[in-house]
Amino acid sequence: MFVMELTYTAPVESVEEVLDAHIAWLDGYYASGVFLASGRKVPREGGIILAAGVSRAEVEKIAAEDPFTVAGVCAYRITEFIATKTSSDLAAVRETLPA
C-alpha cells in the first residue's frame, strides 16, 4: 500500500485552476480500484491519497500523470508500507509480511 503525500508548490489560486482535472484523474483511479481514500491536508498545503494494488513503479507513474504534477503545482512524496492491520472495511487490501 502507498501513502501519496502531495505538497503544493504554487499558490492555492494556481492549484484551483487545475482542480477539476485533478478530480477527474482521482475519479478514474477510484473507478479502477487503485485509490482507497484521499483528501486535503489541514491546513490546505496539499493532500493525501491512499493507493493499493499496484507496484512502486506504477504508483510513481500515476503520480506523474496527476494534472497537478503536469501543471507544476505540487510535488509528491510516496511512502510504501505493508498494511498488516486494517478496519473490516479495508480487509480486501490487508497484506501479510513476507516470510
N, C-alpha and C. Protein backbone atom coordinates (compact mmCIF):
# COMPACT_ATOMS: atom_id res chain seq x y z
N MET A 1 0.86 -1.17 0.00
CA MET A 1 0.00 0.00 0.00
C MET A 1 0.90 1.23 0.00
N PHE A 2 0.35 2.32 -0.48
CA PHE A 2 1.13 3.54 -0.59
C PHE A 2 0.39 4.73 0.00
N VAL A 3 1.13 5.59 0.67
CA VAL A 3 0.65 6.91 1.05
C VAL A 3 1.28 7.87 0.05
N MET A 4 0.44 8.53 -0.72
CA MET A 4 0.90 9.51 -1.70
C MET A 4 0.63 10.88 -1.11
N GLU A 5 1.68 11.52 -0.62
CA GLU A 5 1.52 12.83 0.00
C GLU A 5 1.93 13.90 -1.00
N LEU A 6 0.99 14.79 -1.31
CA LEU A 6 1.34 15.86 -2.22
C LEU A 6 1.38 17.18 -1.47
N THR A 7 2.35 17.99 -1.85
CA THR A 7 2.55 19.30 -1.26
C THR A 7 2.49 20.33 -2.36
N TYR A 8 1.68 21.36 -2.17
CA TYR A 8 1.57 22.41 -3.18
C TYR A 8 2.89 23.16 -3.30
N THR A 9 3.28 23.41 -4.53
CA THR A 9 4.50 24.17 -4.82
C THR A 9 4.16 25.50 -5.48
N ALA A 10 2.88 25.81 -5.53
CA ALA A 10 2.38 27.04 -6.15
C ALA A 10 1.25 27.58 -5.27
N PRO A 11 0.88 28.83 -5.45
CA PRO A 11 -0.24 29.38 -4.68
C PRO A 11 -1.53 28.58 -4.92
N VAL A 12 -2.39 28.56 -3.91
CA VAL A 12 -3.65 27.82 -4.00
C VAL A 12 -4.47 28.26 -5.22
N GLU A 13 -4.37 29.53 -5.59
CA GLU A 13 -5.11 30.01 -6.77
C GLU A 13 -4.69 29.24 -8.02
N SER A 14 -3.41 28.93 -8.15
CA SER A 14 -2.92 28.14 -9.29
C SER A 14 -3.40 26.70 -9.21
N VAL A 15 -3.46 26.16 -7.99
CA VAL A 15 -3.98 24.81 -7.78
C VAL A 15 -5.44 24.75 -8.21
N GLU A 16 -6.22 25.74 -7.82
CA GLU A 16 -7.65 25.78 -8.16
C GLU A 16 -7.89 25.74 -9.66
N GLU A 17 -6.96 26.29 -10.44
CA GLU A 17 -7.12 26.32 -11.90
C GLU A 17 -7.13 24.93 -12.52
N VAL A 18 -6.50 23.96 -11.88
CA VAL A 18 -6.46 22.59 -12.42
C VAL A 18 -7.20 21.59 -11.52
N LEU A 19 -7.98 22.11 -10.57
CA LEU A 19 -8.68 21.24 -9.62
C LEU A 19 -9.67 20.30 -10.30
N ASP A 20 -10.45 20.80 -11.27
CA ASP A 20 -11.42 19.93 -11.94
C ASP A 20 -10.74 18.76 -12.65
N ALA A 21 -9.62 19.03 -13.32
CA ALA A 21 -8.87 17.97 -14.00
C ALA A 21 -8.29 16.98 -12.98
N HIS A 22 -7.83 17.50 -11.84
CA HIS A 22 -7.30 16.63 -10.78
C HIS A 22 -8.40 15.72 -10.24
N ILE A 23 -9.59 16.26 -10.03
CA ILE A 23 -10.71 15.46 -9.52
C ILE A 23 -11.09 14.38 -10.53
N ALA A 24 -11.10 14.70 -11.82
CA ALA A 24 -11.40 13.69 -12.84
C ALA A 24 -10.34 12.59 -12.84
N TRP A 25 -9.08 12.96 -12.66
CA TRP A 25 -7.98 12.00 -12.56
C TRP A 25 -8.19 11.09 -11.34
N LEU A 26 -8.54 11.69 -10.18
CA LEU A 26 -8.83 10.90 -8.98
C LEU A 26 -9.97 9.92 -9.25
N ASP A 27 -11.05 10.41 -9.85
CA ASP A 27 -12.22 9.57 -10.12
C ASP A 27 -11.85 8.34 -10.95
N GLY A 28 -10.97 8.51 -11.92
CA GLY A 28 -10.54 7.39 -12.75
C GLY A 28 -9.84 6.31 -11.94
N TYR A 29 -8.98 6.72 -11.02
CA TYR A 29 -8.27 5.72 -10.21
C TYR A 29 -9.14 5.15 -9.09
N TYR A 30 -10.15 5.88 -8.64
CA TYR A 30 -11.14 5.28 -7.74
C TYR A 30 -11.93 4.21 -8.50
N ALA A 31 -12.33 4.51 -9.73
CA ALA A 31 -13.11 3.56 -10.53
C ALA A 31 -12.32 2.28 -10.80
N SER A 32 -10.99 2.40 -10.94
CA SER A 32 -10.17 1.22 -11.21
C SER A 32 -9.82 0.45 -9.94
N GLY A 33 -10.16 1.02 -8.77
CA GLY A 33 -9.90 0.35 -7.50
C GLY A 33 -8.53 0.61 -6.91
N VAL A 34 -7.73 1.46 -7.53
CA VAL A 34 -6.38 1.75 -7.02
C VAL A 34 -6.43 2.70 -5.83
N PHE A 35 -7.26 3.74 -5.89
CA PHE A 35 -7.33 4.71 -4.81
C PHE A 35 -8.39 4.27 -3.79
N LEU A 36 -8.01 4.33 -2.52
CA LEU A 36 -8.90 3.92 -1.43
C LEU A 36 -9.46 5.10 -0.66
N ALA A 37 -8.70 6.17 -0.54
CA ALA A 37 -9.12 7.36 0.20
C ALA A 37 -8.23 8.52 -0.24
N SER A 38 -8.78 9.73 -0.13
CA SER A 38 -7.98 10.92 -0.46
C SER A 38 -8.62 12.13 0.20
N GLY A 39 -7.84 13.19 0.29
CA GLY A 39 -8.38 14.43 0.83
C GLY A 39 -7.31 15.47 1.03
N ARG A 40 -7.75 16.66 1.36
CA ARG A 40 -6.85 17.80 1.58
C ARG A 40 -6.20 17.71 2.95
N LYS A 41 -4.97 18.22 3.02
CA LYS A 41 -4.32 18.40 4.31
C LYS A 41 -4.96 19.61 4.99
N VAL A 42 -4.85 19.63 6.31
CA VAL A 42 -5.30 20.78 7.10
C VAL A 42 -4.09 21.25 7.90
N PRO A 43 -3.59 22.44 7.66
CA PRO A 43 -4.09 23.46 6.74
C PRO A 43 -3.88 23.02 5.28
N ARG A 44 -4.51 23.73 4.36
CA ARG A 44 -4.54 23.36 2.95
C ARG A 44 -3.18 23.64 2.28
N GLU A 45 -2.28 22.69 2.45
CA GLU A 45 -0.94 22.78 1.88
C GLU A 45 -0.69 21.68 0.87
N GLY A 46 -1.71 20.85 0.62
CA GLY A 46 -1.56 19.71 -0.27
C GLY A 46 -2.63 18.69 0.05
N GLY A 47 -2.31 17.42 -0.16
CA GLY A 47 -3.29 16.37 0.08
C GLY A 47 -2.63 15.03 0.31
N ILE A 48 -3.47 14.03 0.59
CA ILE A 48 -3.04 12.66 0.84
C ILE A 48 -3.93 11.73 0.02
N ILE A 49 -3.31 10.72 -0.57
CA ILE A 49 -4.04 9.67 -1.28
C ILE A 49 -3.53 8.33 -0.76
N LEU A 50 -4.43 7.40 -0.45
CA LEU A 50 -4.06 6.03 -0.13
C LEU A 50 -4.31 5.20 -1.38
N ALA A 51 -3.29 4.44 -1.81
CA ALA A 51 -3.38 3.64 -3.02
C ALA A 51 -2.93 2.21 -2.73
N ALA A 52 -3.51 1.26 -3.44
CA ALA A 52 -3.15 -0.15 -3.24
C ALA A 52 -3.33 -0.92 -4.54
N GLY A 53 -2.68 -2.09 -4.57
CA GLY A 53 -2.86 -2.99 -5.70
C GLY A 53 -1.99 -2.70 -6.91
N VAL A 54 -1.00 -1.84 -6.74
CA VAL A 54 -0.08 -1.51 -7.82
C VAL A 54 1.35 -1.54 -7.29
N SER A 55 2.30 -1.59 -8.20
CA SER A 55 3.71 -1.59 -7.82
C SER A 55 4.20 -0.17 -7.56
N ARG A 56 5.40 -0.07 -7.02
CA ARG A 56 6.02 1.24 -6.78
C ARG A 56 6.17 2.00 -8.10
N ALA A 57 6.61 1.31 -9.13
CA ALA A 57 6.78 1.96 -10.44
C ALA A 57 5.44 2.47 -10.97
N GLU A 58 4.38 1.68 -10.78
CA GLU A 58 3.06 2.11 -11.25
C GLU A 58 2.55 3.31 -10.48
N VAL A 59 2.74 3.33 -9.16
CA VAL A 59 2.24 4.46 -8.37
C VAL A 59 3.03 5.72 -8.71
N GLU A 60 4.31 5.59 -9.02
CA GLU A 60 5.09 6.76 -9.44
C GLU A 60 4.61 7.28 -10.79
N LYS A 61 4.25 6.38 -11.69
CA LYS A 61 3.69 6.78 -13.00
C LYS A 61 2.35 7.47 -12.80
N ILE A 62 1.53 6.94 -11.90
CA ILE A 62 0.22 7.55 -11.61
C ILE A 62 0.41 8.97 -11.09
N ALA A 63 1.35 9.16 -10.16
CA ALA A 63 1.61 10.50 -9.61
C ALA A 63 2.08 11.45 -10.71
N ALA A 64 2.88 10.95 -11.63
CA ALA A 64 3.39 11.79 -12.72
C ALA A 64 2.28 12.23 -13.67
N GLU A 65 1.20 11.46 -13.74
CA GLU A 65 0.06 11.78 -14.61
C GLU A 65 -0.92 12.75 -13.97
N ASP A 66 -0.82 12.97 -12.67
CA ASP A 66 -1.74 13.88 -11.98
C ASP A 66 -1.68 15.25 -12.65
N PRO A 67 -2.83 15.82 -13.02
CA PRO A 67 -2.83 17.16 -13.60
C PRO A 67 -2.12 18.21 -12.73
N PHE A 68 -2.13 18.02 -11.41
CA PHE A 68 -1.38 18.91 -10.53
C PHE A 68 0.12 18.82 -10.83
N THR A 69 0.63 17.59 -11.02
CA THR A 69 2.04 17.40 -11.35
C THR A 69 2.35 18.00 -12.72
N VAL A 70 1.51 17.68 -13.70
CA VAL A 70 1.71 18.17 -15.06
C VAL A 70 1.75 19.70 -15.10
N ALA A 71 0.88 20.33 -14.30
CA ALA A 71 0.83 21.80 -14.24
C ALA A 71 1.93 22.40 -13.38
N GLY A 72 2.66 21.55 -12.66
CA GLY A 72 3.76 22.03 -11.82
C GLY A 72 3.32 22.72 -10.55
N VAL A 73 2.14 22.32 -10.01
CA VAL A 73 1.65 22.99 -8.79
C VAL A 73 1.81 22.13 -7.54
N CYS A 74 2.38 20.92 -7.68
CA CYS A 74 2.60 20.09 -6.50
C CYS A 74 3.79 19.18 -6.70
N ALA A 75 4.28 18.65 -5.59
CA ALA A 75 5.34 17.63 -5.58
C ALA A 75 4.84 16.47 -4.74
N TYR A 76 5.19 15.26 -5.13
CA TYR A 76 4.77 14.06 -4.42
C TYR A 76 5.88 13.48 -3.57
N ARG A 77 5.48 12.95 -2.43
CA ARG A 77 6.33 12.09 -1.59
C ARG A 77 5.54 10.81 -1.45
N ILE A 78 6.12 9.70 -1.87
CA ILE A 78 5.41 8.42 -1.87
C ILE A 78 6.07 7.51 -0.85
N THR A 79 5.25 7.00 0.08
CA THR A 79 5.72 6.09 1.12
C THR A 79 5.01 4.76 0.97
N GLU A 80 5.77 3.71 0.85
CA GLU A 80 5.19 2.37 0.77
C GLU A 80 5.18 1.75 2.17
N PHE A 81 4.09 1.05 2.48
CA PHE A 81 4.03 0.33 3.75
C PHE A 81 3.21 -0.94 3.56
N ILE A 82 3.38 -1.87 4.48
CA ILE A 82 2.64 -3.13 4.44
C ILE A 82 1.49 -3.02 5.43
N ALA A 83 0.27 -2.99 4.91
CA ALA A 83 -0.93 -2.80 5.73
C ALA A 83 -1.35 -4.13 6.33
N THR A 84 -0.70 -4.51 7.43
CA THR A 84 -0.98 -5.79 8.07
C THR A 84 -2.21 -5.76 8.96
N LYS A 85 -2.67 -4.57 9.31
CA LYS A 85 -3.88 -4.42 10.14
C LYS A 85 -4.72 -3.32 9.52
N THR A 86 -6.00 -3.61 9.33
CA THR A 86 -6.92 -2.64 8.73
C THR A 86 -8.28 -2.75 9.42
N SER A 87 -9.12 -1.78 9.14
CA SER A 87 -10.52 -1.91 9.55
C SER A 87 -11.16 -3.01 8.72
N SER A 88 -12.31 -3.48 9.14
CA SER A 88 -13.00 -4.51 8.37
C SER A 88 -13.38 -3.99 6.98
N ASP A 89 -13.60 -2.68 6.86
CA ASP A 89 -13.94 -2.10 5.56
C ASP A 89 -12.79 -2.21 4.56
N LEU A 90 -11.56 -2.30 5.05
CA LEU A 90 -10.39 -2.39 4.18
C LEU A 90 -9.77 -3.78 4.19
N ALA A 91 -10.50 -4.78 4.64
CA ALA A 91 -9.96 -6.14 4.74
C ALA A 91 -9.46 -6.66 3.39
N ALA A 92 -10.06 -6.24 2.31
CA ALA A 92 -9.66 -6.72 0.99
C ALA A 92 -8.25 -6.28 0.61
N VAL A 93 -7.74 -5.23 1.22
CA VAL A 93 -6.38 -4.76 0.88
C VAL A 93 -5.36 -5.06 1.99
N ARG A 94 -5.79 -5.81 2.99
CA ARG A 94 -4.89 -6.20 4.08
C ARG A 94 -3.76 -7.06 3.50
N GLU A 95 -2.54 -6.86 4.02
CA GLU A 95 -1.38 -7.57 3.50
C GLU A 95 -0.72 -8.39 4.58
N THR A 96 0.11 -9.33 4.17
CA THR A 96 0.88 -10.13 5.12
C THR A 96 2.36 -9.82 4.91
N LEU A 97 3.10 -9.93 5.98
CA LEU A 97 4.55 -9.72 5.92
C LEU A 97 5.19 -10.84 5.10
N PRO A 98 6.21 -10.51 4.32
CA PRO A 98 6.91 -11.57 3.59
C PRO A 98 7.58 -12.53 4.56
N ALA A 99 7.72 -13.76 4.14
CA ALA A 99 8.33 -14.80 5.00
C ALA A 99 9.81 -14.58 5.18
